Amino acid sequence: MALLNILVYPDSRLRTVAKPVEAVDHSVATLVDDMAQTMYSAPGIGLAATQVNVPKRVIVMDLSQNRDELIVFINPIIETLEGEIETEEGCLSVPGIVAPVSRSERITVSALNREGQSFRLDASELLSVCIQHEVDHLNGKVFVDYLSRLKQGRIRKQLLKEVRENEQPSPKGRATAY
């Protein structure tokens, strides 16, 4: 397994619309394993393949306390949306930023699992929100898109400033790596 680099907003590659996975094979299983390791190490509760610059419709997620209940969604399709809930969302691709976002409270999603078997899941509350958040990533959307233009501009400016500061040479003349 390998740790993958997570793209940071406003990286334009986060706007890539992911392509469906044609076959769940060894390369997809490896991607799932690498994404899970990356998500757990970050630490996060969900990660879409587009966040690690892989334009495939793959999501990993684990909302459990013990971090031992990985859910894999390959080619997810949200079939139904019901109700509305507003929650504070954060994102591994938008580090340090949390903002209120309204989403559907309950959804039904269909997908393939890690073995390529189809399943259907009724999700509510946090699980519903997380699935919608990650599916947005597969569709080239980031949660800050739900915020006002003013807030988006502030977030963009803050994160670009942090990237510039992290790219400054260290006193020994080497770039600082994170």
C-alpha atoms as a PDB file:
ATOM      1  CA  MET A   1       0.000   0.000   0.000  1.00  0.00           C
ATOM      2  CA  ALA A   2       1.069   3.539  -0.666  1.00  0.00           C
ATOM      3  CA  LEU A   3       0.165   6.949   0.654  1.00  0.00           C
ATOM      4  CA  LEU A   4      -1.232   9.108  -2.128  1.00  0.00           C
ATOM      5  CA  ASN A   5      -0.968  12.891  -2.433  1.00  0.00           C
ATOM      6  CA  ILE A   6      -4.259  14.650  -1.718  1.00  0.00           C
ATOM      7  CA  LEU A   7      -4.987  17.571  -4.031  1.00  0.00           C
ATOM      8  CA  VAL A   8      -5.686  20.853  -2.247  1.00  0.00           C
ATOM      9  CA  TYR A   9      -8.300  23.403  -3.287  1.00  0.00           C
ATOM     10  CA  PRO A  10      -8.220  25.402  -5.560  1.00  0.00           C
ATOM     11  CA  ASP A  11      -6.236  22.855  -7.620  1.00  0.00           C
ATOM     12  CA  SER A  12      -8.059  22.664 -10.968  1.00  0.00           C
ATOM     13  CA  ARG A  13      -7.732  18.866 -11.028  1.00  0.00           C
ATOM     14  CA  LEU A  14     -10.389  18.737  -8.304  1.00  0.00           C
ATOM     15  CA  ARG A  15     -12.814  19.839 -11.059  1.00  0.00           C
ATOM     16  CA  THR A  16     -12.213  16.652 -13.054  1.00  0.00           C
ATOM     17  CA  VAL A  17     -15.333  14.554 -13.598  1.00  0.00           C
ATOM     18  CA  ALA A  18     -14.460  10.929 -12.852  1.00  0.00           C
ATOM     19  CA  LYS A  19     -15.034   8.169 -15.390  1.00  0.00           C
ATOM     20  CA  PRO A  20     -16.874   4.942 -14.493  1.00  0.00           C
ATOM     21  CA  VAL A  21     -14.741   1.949 -13.545  1.00  0.00           C
ATOM     22  CA  GLU A  22     -15.001  -0.543 -16.412  1.00  0.00           C
ATOM     23  CA  ALA A  23     -13.900  -3.618 -14.440  1.00  0.00           C
ATOM     24  CA  VAL A  24     -13.179  -4.167 -10.764  1.00  0.00           C
ATOM     25  CA  ASP A  25      -9.755  -5.748 -11.093  1.00  0.00           C
ATOM     26  CA  HIS A  26      -6.434  -5.856  -9.255  1.00  0.00           C
ATOM     27  CA  SER A  27      -5.602  -2.243 -10.171  1.00  0.00           C
ATOM     28  CA  VAL A  28      -8.891  -1.043  -8.648  1.00  0.00           C
ATOM     29  CA  ALA A  29      -8.305  -3.136  -5.518  1.00  0.00           C
ATOM     30  CA  THR A  30      -4.842  -1.581  -5.181  1.00  0.00           C
ATOM     31  CA  LEU A  31      -6.332   1.895  -5.644  1.00  0.00           C
ATOM     32  CA  VAL A  32      -8.914   1.152  -2.921  1.00  0.00           C
ATOM     33  CA  ASP A  33      -6.186  -0.043  -0.526  1.00  0.00           C
ATOM     34  CA  ASP A  34      -4.005   3.005  -1.219  1.00  0.00           C
ATOM     35  CA  MET A  35      -6.962   5.371  -0.846  1.00  0.00           C
ATOM     36  CA  ALA A  36      -7.966   3.762   2.459  1.00  0.00           C
ATOM     37  CA  GLN A  37      -4.438   4.062   3.839  1.00  0.00           C
ATOM     38  CA  THR A  38      -4.301   7.695   2.686  1.00  0.00           C
ATOM     39  CA  MET A  39      -7.706   8.490   4.238  1.00  0.00           C
ATOM     40  CA  TYR A  40      -6.813   6.870   7.572  1.00  0.00           C
ATOM     41  CA  SER A  41      -3.429   8.611   7.668  1.00  0.00           C
ATOM     42  CA  ALA A  42      -4.844  12.054   6.833  1.00  0.00           C
ATOM     43  CA  PRO A  43      -6.997  11.414   9.057  1.00  0.00           C
ATOM     44  CA  GLY A  44     -10.355  11.602   7.323  1.00  0.00           C
ATOM     45  CA  ILE A  45     -13.647   9.743   7.117  1.00  0.00           C
ATOM     46  CA  GLY A  46     -14.044   9.731   3.337  1.00  0.00           C
ATOM     47  CA  LEU A  47     -11.961  10.087   0.191  1.00  0.00           C
ATOM     48  CA  ALA A  48     -12.833  10.174  -3.501  1.00  0.00           C
ATOM     49  CA  ALA A  49     -10.359   9.042  -6.162  1.00  0.00           C
ATOM     50  CA  THR A  50     -10.442  12.468  -7.814  1.00  0.00           C
ATOM     51  CA  GLN A  51      -8.954  13.918  -4.617  1.00  0.00           C
ATOM     52  CA  VAL A  52      -5.814  11.855  -5.247  1.00  0.00           C
ATOM     53  CA  ASN A  53      -5.762  12.748  -8.960  1.00  0.00           C
ATOM     54  CA  VAL A  54      -7.267   9.470 -10.172  1.00  0.00           C
ATOM     55  CA  PRO A  55     -10.293  10.216 -12.389  1.00  0.00           C
ATOM     56  CA  LYS A  56     -12.206   7.042 -11.528  1.00  0.00           C
ATOM     57  CA  ARG A  57     -15.573   6.723  -9.761  1.00  0.00           C
ATOM     58  CA  VAL A  58     -14.217   5.225  -6.528  1.00  0.00           C
ATOM     59  CA  ILE A  59     -14.905   6.300  -2.932  1.00  0.00           C
ATOM     60  CA  VAL A  60     -13.661   4.927   0.387  1.00  0.00           C
ATOM     61  CA  MET A  61     -15.317   5.798   3.672  1.00  0.00           C
ATOM     62  CA  ASP A  62     -15.171   4.810   7.338  1.00  0.00           C
ATOM     63  CA  LEU A  63     -17.305   6.555   9.946  1.00  0.00           C
ATOM     64  CA  SER A  64     -16.621   4.038  12.721  1.00  0.00           C
ATOM     65  CA  GLN A  65     -14.953   4.971  16.017  1.00  0.00           C
ATOM     66  CA  ASN A  66     -12.385   2.175  15.691  1.00  0.00           C
ATOM     67  CA  ARG A  67     -11.628   2.908  12.013  1.00  0.00           C
ATOM     68  CA  ASP A  68     -12.351  -0.694  11.093  1.00  0.00           C
ATOM     69  CA  GLU A  69     -15.535  -0.496   8.986  1.00  0.00           C
ATOM     70  CA  LEU A  70     -14.336   0.531   5.547  1.00  0.00           C
ATOM     71  CA  ILE A  71     -17.091   1.008   2.960  1.00  0.00           C
ATOM     72  CA  VAL A  72     -16.122   1.055  -0.702  1.00  0.00           C
ATOM     73  CA  PHE A  73     -18.330   2.609  -3.373  1.00  0.00           C
ATOM     74  CA  ILE A  74     -17.369   1.934  -6.991  1.00  0.00           C
ATOM     75  CA  ASN A  75     -19.502   3.708  -9.619  1.00  0.00           C
ATOM     76  CA  PRO A  76     -21.917   5.073  -6.986  1.00  0.00           C
ATOM     77  CA  ILE A  77     -25.292   6.374  -8.095  1.00  0.00           C
ATOM     78  CA  ILE A  78     -27.510   8.325  -5.732  1.00  0.00           C
ATOM     79  CA  GLU A  79     -31.001   7.063  -6.549  1.00  0.00           C
ATOM     80  CA  THR A  80     -33.163   8.987  -4.090  1.00  0.00           C
ATOM     81  CA  LEU A  81     -32.823  12.133  -1.989  1.00  0.00           C
ATOM     82  CA  GLU A  82     -35.153  13.028   0.901  1.00  0.00           C
ATOM     83  CA  GLY A  83     -35.356  15.752   3.511  1.00  0.00           C
ATOM     84  CA  GLU A  84     -32.758  18.338   4.343  1.00  0.00           C
ATOM     85  CA  ILE A  85     -30.046  18.623   6.973  1.00  0.00           C
ATOM     86  CA  GLU A  86     -27.435  21.297   7.567  1.00  0.00           C
ATOM     87  CA  THR A  87     -24.097  20.166   8.942  1.00  0.00           C
ATOM     88  CA  GLU A  88     -20.621  21.565   9.382  1.00  0.00           C
ATOM     89  CA  GLU A  89     -18.498  20.071   6.622  1.00  0.00           C
ATOM     90  CA  GLY A  90     -14.770  19.846   6.238  1.00  0.00           C
ATOM     91  CA  CYS A  91     -12.665  18.217   3.556  1.00  0.00           C
ATOM     92  CA  LEU A  92      -9.198  16.714   3.201  1.00  0.00           C
ATOM     93  CA  SER A  93      -8.803  18.816   0.038  1.00  0.00           C
ATOM     94  CA  VAL A  94      -9.758  22.013   1.889  1.00  0.00           C
ATOM     95  CA  PRO A  95      -7.611  21.653   5.023  1.00  0.00           C
ATOM     96  CA  GLY A  96      -8.514  23.638   8.098  1.00  0.00           C
ATOM     97  CA  ILE A  97     -11.823  24.931   6.712  1.00  0.00           C
ATOM     98  CA  VAL A  98     -15.229  23.993   8.107  1.00  0.00           C
ATOM     99  CA  ALA A  99     -18.506  25.531   6.943  1.00  0.00           C
ATOM    100  CA  PRO A 100     -22.243  24.820   7.123  1.00  0.00           C
ATOM    101  CA  VAL A 101     -23.688  23.030   4.086  1.00  0.00           C
ATOM    102  CA  SER A 102     -27.269  21.877   3.440  1.00  0.00           C
ATOM    103  CA  ARG A 103     -27.721  18.420   1.964  1.00  0.00           C
ATOM    104  CA  SER A 104     -30.361  15.734   1.772  1.00  0.00           C
ATOM    105  CA  GLU A 105     -30.900  13.993   5.093  1.00  0.00           C
ATOM    106  CA  ARG A 106     -31.654  10.573   3.604  1.00  0.00           C
ATOM    107  CA  ILE A 107     -30.475   8.975   0.385  1.00  0.00           C
ATOM    108  CA  THR A 108     -30.421   5.640  -1.362  1.00  0.00           C
ATOM    109  CA  VAL A 109     -27.202   4.830  -3.191  1.00  0.00           C
ATOM    110  CA  SER A 110     -26.267   1.912  -5.391  1.00  0.00           C
ATOM    111  CA  ALA A 111     -22.690   0.934  -6.174  1.00  0.00           C
ATOM    112  CA  LEU A 112     -20.228  -1.905  -6.541  1.00  0.00           C
ATOM    113  CA  ASN A 113     -18.141  -3.041  -3.578  1.00  0.00           C
ATOM    114  CA  ARG A 114     -14.416  -3.903  -3.554  1.00  0.00           C
ATOM    115  CA  GLU A 115     -15.177  -7.339  -5.022  1.00  0.00           C
ATOM    116  CA  GLY A 116     -17.283  -5.884  -7.837  1.00  0.00           C
ATOM    117  CA  GLN A 117     -20.607  -7.010  -6.354  1.00  0.00           C
ATOM    118  CA  SER A 118     -23.507  -4.585  -6.581  1.00  0.00           C
ATOM    119  CA  PHE A 119     -25.231  -3.331  -3.453  1.00  0.00           C
ATOM    120  CA  ARG A 120     -27.812  -0.777  -2.450  1.00  0.00           C
ATOM    121  CA  LEU A 121     -27.666   1.252   0.749  1.00  0.00           C
ATOM    122  CA  ASP A 122     -30.179   3.491   2.513  1.00  0.00           C
ATOM    123  CA  ALA A 123     -28.209   6.157   4.351  1.00  0.00           C
ATOM    124  CA  SER A 124     -29.211   8.942   6.709  1.00  0.00           C
ATOM    125  CA  GLU A 125     -27.649  11.810   8.593  1.00  0.00           C
ATOM    126  CA  LEU A 126     -23.817  11.739   8.664  1.00  0.00           C
ATOM    127  CA  LEU A 127     -23.477   8.747   6.314  1.00  0.00           C
ATOM    128  CA  SER A 128     -25.849  10.407   3.842  1.00  0.00           C
ATOM    129  CA  VAL A 129     -23.930  13.687   4.025  1.00  0.00           C
ATOM    130  CA  CYS A 130     -20.559  11.958   3.547  1.00  0.00           C
ATOM    131  CA  ILE A 131     -21.735   9.991   0.528  1.00  0.00           C
ATOM    132  CA  GLN A 132     -23.136  13.143  -1.088  1.00  0.00           C
ATOM    133  CA  HIS A 133     -19.899  15.031  -0.317  1.00  0.00           C
ATOM    134  CA  GLU A 134     -17.725  12.334  -1.929  1.00  0.00           C
ATOM    135  CA  VAL A 135     -20.022  11.867  -4.944  1.00  0.00           C
ATOM    136  CA  ASP A 136     -19.739  15.622  -5.469  1.00  0.00           C
ATOM    137  CA  HIS A 137     -15.959  15.140  -5.734  1.00  0.00           C
ATOM    138  CA  LEU A 138     -16.490  12.506  -8.439  1.00  0.00           C
ATOM    139  CA  ASN A 139     -18.586  15.076 -10.295  1.00  0.00           C
ATOM    140  CA  GLY A 140     -15.897  17.770 -10.046  1.00  0.00           C
ATOM    141  CA  LYS A 141     -17.520  19.670  -7.198  1.00  0.00           C
ATOM    142  CA  VAL A 142     -16.022  20.745  -3.858  1.00  0.00           C
ATOM    143  CA  PHE A 143     -18.081  21.596  -0.759  1.00  0.00           C
ATOM    144  CA  VAL A 144     -16.977  25.245  -0.905  1.00  0.00           C
ATOM    145  CA  ASP A 145     -19.067  25.514  -4.092  1.00  0.00           C
ATOM    146  CA  TYR A 146     -22.104  25.641  -1.772  1.00  0.00           C
ATOM    147  CA  LEU A 147     -20.737  28.767  -0.064  1.00  0.00           C
ATOM    148  CA  SER A 148     -21.044  32.401  -1.141  1.00  0.00           C
ATOM    149  CA  ARG A 149     -18.578  33.793  -3.674  1.00  0.00           C
ATOM    150  CA  LEU A 150     -17.110  35.948  -0.919  1.00  0.00           C
ATOM    151  CA  LYS A 151     -16.413  32.943   1.325  1.00  0.00           C
ATOM    152  CA  GLN A 152     -15.022  30.970  -1.628  1.00  0.00           C
ATOM    153  CA  GLY A 153     -12.642  33.836  -2.416  1.00  0.00           C
ATOM    154  CA  ARG A 154     -11.436  34.051   1.179  1.00  0.00           C
ATOM    155  CA  ILE A 155     -10.837  30.304   1.359  1.00  0.00           C
ATOM    156  CA  ARG A 156      -9.005  30.293  -1.988  1.00  0.00           C
ATOM    157  CA  LYS A 157      -6.795  33.198  -0.871  1.00  0.00           C
ATOM    158  CA  GLN A 158      -6.031  31.575   2.505  1.00  0.00           C
ATOM    159  CA  LEU A 159      -5.104  28.197   1.008  1.00  0.00           C
ATOM    160  CA  LEU A 160      -3.009  29.715  -1.802  1.00  0.00           C
ATOM    161  CA  LYS A 161      -1.122  31.756   0.808  1.00  0.00           C
ATOM    162  CA  GLU A 162      -0.432  28.593   2.820  1.00  0.00           C
ATOM    163  CA  VAL A 163       0.827  26.800  -0.303  1.00  0.00           C
ATOM    164  CA  ARG A 164       3.174  29.718  -1.106  1.00  0.00           C
ATOM    165  CA  GLU A 165       4.483  29.765   2.478  1.00  0.00           C
ATOM    166  CA  ASN A 166       5.115  26.016   2.392  1.00  0.00           C
ATOM    167  CA  GLU A 167       7.036  26.365  -0.867  1.00  0.00           C
ATOM    168  CA  GLN A 168       9.474  28.948   0.554  1.00  0.00           C
ATOM    169  CA  PRO A 169      13.018  27.622   0.852  1.00  0.00           C
ATOM    170  CA  SER A 170      14.029  26.587   4.333  1.00  0.00           C
ATOM    171  CA  PRO A 171      17.074  28.244   5.948  1.00  0.00           C
ATOM    172  CA  LYS A 172      19.212  25.402   4.588  1.00  0.00           C
ATOM    173  CA  GLY A 173      18.042  26.154   1.046  1.00  0.00           C
ATOM    174  CA  ARG A 174      15.713  23.182   0.697  1.00  0.00           C
ATOM    175  CA  ALA A 175      11.987  23.296   0.180  1.00  0.00           C
ATOM    176  CA  THR A 176       9.926  22.275   3.171  1.00  0.00           C
ATOM    177  CA  ALA A 177       7.956  19.092   2.466  1.00  0.00           C
ATOM    178  CA  TYR A 178       4.678  18.200   4.111  1.00  0.00           C
END
